[in-house]
Amino acid sequence: MHEAWSSHETWVYECQNCFTTWEEEYDVRHSADGHGGEVELFEKDGQRCMTPWVDHVCPTCAGQNVKTLPTPLGRHATATPSGNREDLELVFRLRRLHAY
């Protein structure tokens, strides 16, 4: 069984045409791919979707020149382990991924 965990992420977007800014929230499932890599699956409102930095349209002007910004200060992705792992194992795993 591959290690897997979930996180909740907030992404911020800015339209380069009208300078409208908005946020969208995603649930991200992280999993090992069995070859030393990592796979991320993004979900929005319970439905699978494309990665947050692809194909966005401004809700105000319908412009497609949208810039993805970092998560706002004070808001960080929260990781939730899935399965029955020991807490110490999880801390060491997160440290190896530079996430803790």
N, C-alpha and C. Protein backbone atom coordinates (compact mmCIF):
# COMPACT_ATOMS: atom_id res chain seq x y z
N MET A 1 0.84 -1.18 0.00
CA MET A 1 0.00 0.00 0.00
C MET A 1 0.89 1.25 0.00
N HIS A 2 0.57 2.21 -0.84
CA HIS A 2 1.33 3.45 -0.92
C HIS A 2 0.87 4.42 0.16
N GLU A 3 1.81 5.23 0.64
CA GLU A 3 1.45 6.26 1.60
C GLU A 3 0.62 7.33 0.90
N ALA A 4 -0.39 7.83 1.61
CA ALA A 4 -1.25 8.86 1.04
C ALA A 4 -1.68 9.82 2.13
N TRP A 5 -1.90 11.07 1.76
CA TRP A 5 -2.40 12.06 2.69
C TRP A 5 -3.16 13.11 1.90
N SER A 6 -3.97 13.87 2.61
CA SER A 6 -4.78 14.91 1.97
C SER A 6 -4.44 16.27 2.56
N SER A 7 -4.67 17.31 1.78
CA SER A 7 -4.50 18.66 2.28
C SER A 7 -5.57 19.55 1.66
N HIS A 8 -5.81 20.65 2.32
CA HIS A 8 -6.77 21.64 1.84
C HIS A 8 -5.97 22.89 1.49
N GLU A 9 -6.06 23.35 0.25
CA GLU A 9 -5.25 24.47 -0.20
C GLU A 9 -6.12 25.59 -0.75
N THR A 10 -5.70 26.82 -0.49
CA THR A 10 -6.36 28.00 -1.04
C THR A 10 -5.42 28.63 -2.05
N TRP A 11 -5.92 28.85 -3.27
CA TRP A 11 -5.14 29.48 -4.32
C TRP A 11 -5.75 30.84 -4.63
N VAL A 12 -4.90 31.82 -4.89
CA VAL A 12 -5.33 33.19 -5.18
C VAL A 12 -5.03 33.48 -6.64
N TYR A 13 -5.97 34.14 -7.31
CA TYR A 13 -5.83 34.47 -8.73
C TYR A 13 -6.01 35.96 -8.93
N GLU A 14 -5.31 36.49 -9.94
CA GLU A 14 -5.46 37.90 -10.29
C GLU A 14 -5.57 38.02 -11.80
N CYS A 15 -6.62 38.68 -12.26
CA CYS A 15 -6.82 38.93 -13.69
C CYS A 15 -5.88 40.06 -14.10
N GLN A 16 -5.13 39.85 -15.17
CA GLN A 16 -4.20 40.85 -15.67
C GLN A 16 -4.88 41.90 -16.54
N ASN A 17 -6.17 41.68 -16.87
CA ASN A 17 -6.93 42.66 -17.67
C ASN A 17 -7.62 43.69 -16.78
N CYS A 18 -8.39 43.21 -15.78
CA CYS A 18 -9.17 44.13 -14.95
C CYS A 18 -8.69 44.18 -13.50
N PHE A 19 -7.66 43.40 -13.17
CA PHE A 19 -7.03 43.35 -11.84
C PHE A 19 -7.98 42.88 -10.74
N THR A 20 -8.98 42.08 -11.09
CA THR A 20 -9.84 41.44 -10.11
C THR A 20 -9.04 40.34 -9.43
N THR A 21 -9.19 40.19 -8.11
CA THR A 21 -8.52 39.15 -7.36
C THR A 21 -9.56 38.27 -6.70
N TRP A 22 -9.35 36.95 -6.72
CA TRP A 22 -10.28 36.04 -6.07
C TRP A 22 -9.53 34.80 -5.59
N GLU A 23 -10.19 34.06 -4.70
CA GLU A 23 -9.60 32.85 -4.12
C GLU A 23 -10.45 31.64 -4.49
N GLU A 24 -9.80 30.51 -4.62
CA GLU A 24 -10.50 29.24 -4.82
C GLU A 24 -9.85 28.21 -3.92
N GLU A 25 -10.68 27.32 -3.36
CA GLU A 25 -10.19 26.30 -2.44
C GLU A 25 -10.24 24.93 -3.09
N TYR A 26 -9.21 24.15 -2.81
CA TYR A 26 -9.08 22.82 -3.39
C TYR A 26 -8.75 21.82 -2.29
N ASP A 27 -9.21 20.59 -2.48
CA ASP A 27 -8.76 19.46 -1.68
C ASP A 27 -7.76 18.71 -2.54
N VAL A 28 -6.60 18.43 -1.98
CA VAL A 28 -5.52 17.79 -2.74
C VAL A 28 -5.19 16.46 -2.08
N ARG A 29 -5.18 15.41 -2.89
CA ARG A 29 -4.77 14.09 -2.39
C ARG A 29 -3.38 13.80 -2.93
N HIS A 30 -2.44 13.57 -2.01
CA HIS A 30 -1.05 13.29 -2.36
C HIS A 30 -0.83 11.79 -2.17
N SER A 31 -0.09 11.19 -3.07
CA SER A 31 0.18 9.76 -2.97
C SER A 31 1.52 9.47 -3.63
N ALA A 32 2.20 8.45 -3.13
CA ALA A 32 3.44 7.99 -3.77
C ALA A 32 3.06 7.20 -5.01
N ASP A 33 3.83 7.34 -6.09
CA ASP A 33 3.49 6.64 -7.33
C ASP A 33 4.16 5.28 -7.46
N GLY A 34 4.92 4.86 -6.46
CA GLY A 34 5.57 3.57 -6.50
C GLY A 34 6.92 3.57 -7.19
N HIS A 35 7.31 4.72 -7.75
CA HIS A 35 8.59 4.84 -8.44
C HIS A 35 9.44 5.96 -7.84
N GLY A 36 9.14 6.33 -6.62
CA GLY A 36 9.90 7.39 -5.95
C GLY A 36 9.37 8.78 -6.18
N GLY A 37 8.31 8.91 -6.94
CA GLY A 37 7.71 10.22 -7.21
C GLY A 37 6.43 10.42 -6.40
N GLU A 38 5.80 11.54 -6.63
CA GLU A 38 4.56 11.87 -5.92
C GLU A 38 3.49 12.27 -6.93
N VAL A 39 2.26 11.85 -6.66
CA VAL A 39 1.12 12.18 -7.51
C VAL A 39 0.17 13.06 -6.70
N GLU A 40 -0.34 14.11 -7.32
CA GLU A 40 -1.32 14.98 -6.67
C GLU A 40 -2.60 14.99 -7.50
N LEU A 41 -3.73 14.76 -6.83
CA LEU A 41 -5.03 14.83 -7.47
C LEU A 41 -5.80 15.98 -6.84
N PHE A 42 -6.29 16.89 -7.66
CA PHE A 42 -7.00 18.07 -7.18
C PHE A 42 -8.50 17.88 -7.31
N GLU A 43 -9.24 18.29 -6.28
CA GLU A 43 -10.69 18.26 -6.29
C GLU A 43 -11.23 19.62 -5.86
N LYS A 44 -12.29 20.04 -6.53
CA LYS A 44 -12.96 21.29 -6.17
C LYS A 44 -14.45 20.98 -6.06
N ASP A 45 -15.04 21.29 -4.93
CA ASP A 45 -16.45 20.99 -4.67
C ASP A 45 -16.76 19.52 -4.88
N GLY A 46 -15.83 18.65 -4.50
CA GLY A 46 -16.04 17.20 -4.59
C GLY A 46 -15.84 16.61 -5.96
N GLN A 47 -15.47 17.41 -6.95
CA GLN A 47 -15.25 16.92 -8.32
C GLN A 47 -13.78 17.07 -8.68
N ARG A 48 -13.23 16.07 -9.37
CA ARG A 48 -11.86 16.17 -9.84
C ARG A 48 -11.74 17.31 -10.83
N CYS A 49 -10.60 17.99 -10.78
CA CYS A 49 -10.40 19.13 -11.67
C CYS A 49 -8.93 19.21 -12.09
N MET A 50 -8.67 20.14 -12.99
CA MET A 50 -7.30 20.38 -13.44
C MET A 50 -6.52 21.03 -12.30
N THR A 51 -5.21 21.09 -12.46
CA THR A 51 -4.38 21.74 -11.45
C THR A 51 -4.78 23.22 -11.35
N PRO A 52 -4.60 23.84 -10.19
CA PRO A 52 -5.05 25.22 -9.97
C PRO A 52 -4.40 26.26 -10.87
N TRP A 53 -3.27 25.97 -11.47
CA TRP A 53 -2.57 26.97 -12.26
C TRP A 53 -2.87 26.84 -13.77
N VAL A 54 -3.88 26.07 -14.15
CA VAL A 54 -4.20 25.85 -15.56
C VAL A 54 -5.64 26.27 -15.86
N ASP A 55 -5.85 26.95 -16.99
CA ASP A 55 -7.18 27.25 -17.54
C ASP A 55 -8.12 27.96 -16.58
N HIS A 56 -7.82 29.21 -16.28
CA HIS A 56 -8.73 30.01 -15.45
C HIS A 56 -9.25 31.19 -16.25
N VAL A 57 -10.50 31.53 -15.97
CA VAL A 57 -11.16 32.65 -16.64
C VAL A 57 -11.63 33.61 -15.56
N CYS A 58 -11.40 34.89 -15.76
CA CYS A 58 -11.81 35.91 -14.80
C CYS A 58 -13.33 35.94 -14.67
N PRO A 59 -13.85 35.90 -13.44
CA PRO A 59 -15.31 35.95 -13.26
C PRO A 59 -15.91 37.32 -13.58
N THR A 60 -15.09 38.36 -13.63
CA THR A 60 -15.59 39.71 -13.89
C THR A 60 -15.61 40.05 -15.38
N CYS A 61 -14.47 39.88 -16.06
CA CYS A 61 -14.37 40.31 -17.46
C CYS A 61 -14.23 39.15 -18.45
N ALA A 62 -14.21 37.92 -17.95
CA ALA A 62 -14.06 36.71 -18.77
C ALA A 62 -12.72 36.67 -19.49
N GLY A 63 -11.74 37.42 -18.99
CA GLY A 63 -10.40 37.40 -19.56
C GLY A 63 -9.67 36.12 -19.19
N GLN A 64 -8.81 35.66 -20.05
CA GLN A 64 -8.06 34.43 -19.80
C GLN A 64 -6.61 34.69 -19.40
N ASN A 65 -6.24 35.93 -19.23
CA ASN A 65 -4.90 36.29 -18.80
C ASN A 65 -4.90 36.39 -17.27
N VAL A 66 -4.86 35.23 -16.63
CA VAL A 66 -4.99 35.13 -15.17
C VAL A 66 -3.68 34.66 -14.58
N LYS A 67 -3.26 35.32 -13.52
CA LYS A 67 -2.01 35.00 -12.84
C LYS A 67 -2.33 34.29 -11.53
N THR A 68 -1.60 33.22 -11.25
CA THR A 68 -1.76 32.48 -10.00
C THR A 68 -0.79 33.06 -8.98
N LEU A 69 -1.31 33.39 -7.80
CA LEU A 69 -0.48 33.98 -6.74
C LEU A 69 -0.29 32.97 -5.62
N PRO A 70 0.74 33.16 -4.79
CA PRO A 70 0.94 32.27 -3.66
C PRO A 70 -0.22 32.37 -2.66
N THR A 71 -0.30 31.37 -1.79
CA THR A 71 -1.31 31.37 -0.75
C THR A 71 -1.14 32.60 0.13
N PRO A 72 -2.23 33.26 0.54
CA PRO A 72 -2.11 34.45 1.39
C PRO A 72 -1.37 34.16 2.69
N LEU A 73 -0.71 35.17 3.21
CA LEU A 73 0.02 35.02 4.47
C LEU A 73 -0.94 34.57 5.58
N GLY A 74 -0.46 33.69 6.42
CA GLY A 74 -1.27 33.21 7.52
C GLY A 74 -2.12 32.01 7.17
N ARG A 75 -2.20 31.68 5.88
CA ARG A 75 -2.97 30.51 5.47
C ARG A 75 -2.02 29.50 4.87
N HIS A 76 -1.99 28.34 5.44
CA HIS A 76 -1.11 27.29 4.95
C HIS A 76 -1.93 26.05 4.68
N ALA A 77 -1.45 25.22 3.78
CA ALA A 77 -2.12 23.96 3.51
C ALA A 77 -2.05 23.10 4.76
N THR A 78 -3.14 22.44 5.09
CA THR A 78 -3.17 21.58 6.27
C THR A 78 -3.18 20.13 5.80
N ALA A 79 -2.22 19.36 6.26
CA ALA A 79 -2.11 17.96 5.86
C ALA A 79 -2.82 17.08 6.87
N THR A 80 -3.56 16.11 6.36
CA THR A 80 -4.26 15.15 7.20
C THR A 80 -3.84 13.76 6.75
N PRO A 81 -3.16 12.99 7.61
CA PRO A 81 -2.73 11.66 7.19
C PRO A 81 -3.92 10.73 7.02
N SER A 82 -3.86 9.83 6.05
CA SER A 82 -4.88 8.82 5.90
C SER A 82 -4.27 7.48 6.25
N GLY A 83 -5.04 6.60 6.78
CA GLY A 83 -4.52 5.31 7.21
C GLY A 83 -4.22 5.35 8.71
N ASN A 84 -3.60 4.30 9.22
CA ASN A 84 -3.31 4.23 10.65
C ASN A 84 -1.81 4.27 10.90
N ARG A 85 -1.18 5.35 10.55
CA ARG A 85 0.26 5.54 10.73
C ARG A 85 0.52 6.09 12.13
N GLU A 86 1.68 5.78 12.64
CA GLU A 86 2.09 6.34 13.92
C GLU A 86 2.48 7.79 13.73
N ASP A 87 2.26 8.62 14.74
CA ASP A 87 2.56 10.05 14.63
C ASP A 87 4.04 10.30 14.35
N LEU A 88 4.91 9.55 14.99
CA LEU A 88 6.34 9.75 14.78
C LEU A 88 6.74 9.44 13.34
N GLU A 89 6.17 8.37 12.77
CA GLU A 89 6.44 8.04 11.37
C GLU A 89 6.01 9.18 10.46
N LEU A 90 4.88 9.77 10.76
CA LEU A 90 4.36 10.86 9.94
C LEU A 90 5.28 12.08 10.01
N VAL A 91 5.76 12.41 11.20
CA VAL A 91 6.66 13.56 11.35
C VAL A 91 7.93 13.36 10.53
N PHE A 92 8.50 12.16 10.59
CA PHE A 92 9.71 11.90 9.82
C PHE A 92 9.43 11.94 8.32
N ARG A 93 8.29 11.45 7.90
CA ARG A 93 7.91 11.50 6.48
C ARG A 93 7.77 12.94 6.00
N LEU A 94 7.11 13.77 6.80
CA LEU A 94 6.93 15.17 6.44
C LEU A 94 8.26 15.91 6.41
N ARG A 95 9.15 15.57 7.33
CA ARG A 95 10.47 16.21 7.32
C ARG A 95 11.27 15.84 6.08
N ARG A 96 11.15 14.57 5.63
CA ARG A 96 11.84 14.17 4.40
C ARG A 96 11.30 14.94 3.20
N LEU A 97 10.02 15.29 3.24
CA LEU A 97 9.41 16.04 2.14
C LEU A 97 9.58 17.54 2.33
N HIS A 98 10.25 17.95 3.39
CA HIS A 98 10.46 19.36 3.73
C HIS A 98 9.12 20.08 3.94
N ALA A 99 8.15 19.37 4.50
CA ALA A 99 6.83 19.95 4.71
C ALA A 99 6.58 20.20 6.20
N TYR A 100 7.57 19.93 7.06
CA TYR A 100 7.37 20.11 8.50
C TYR A 100 8.59 20.79 9.08
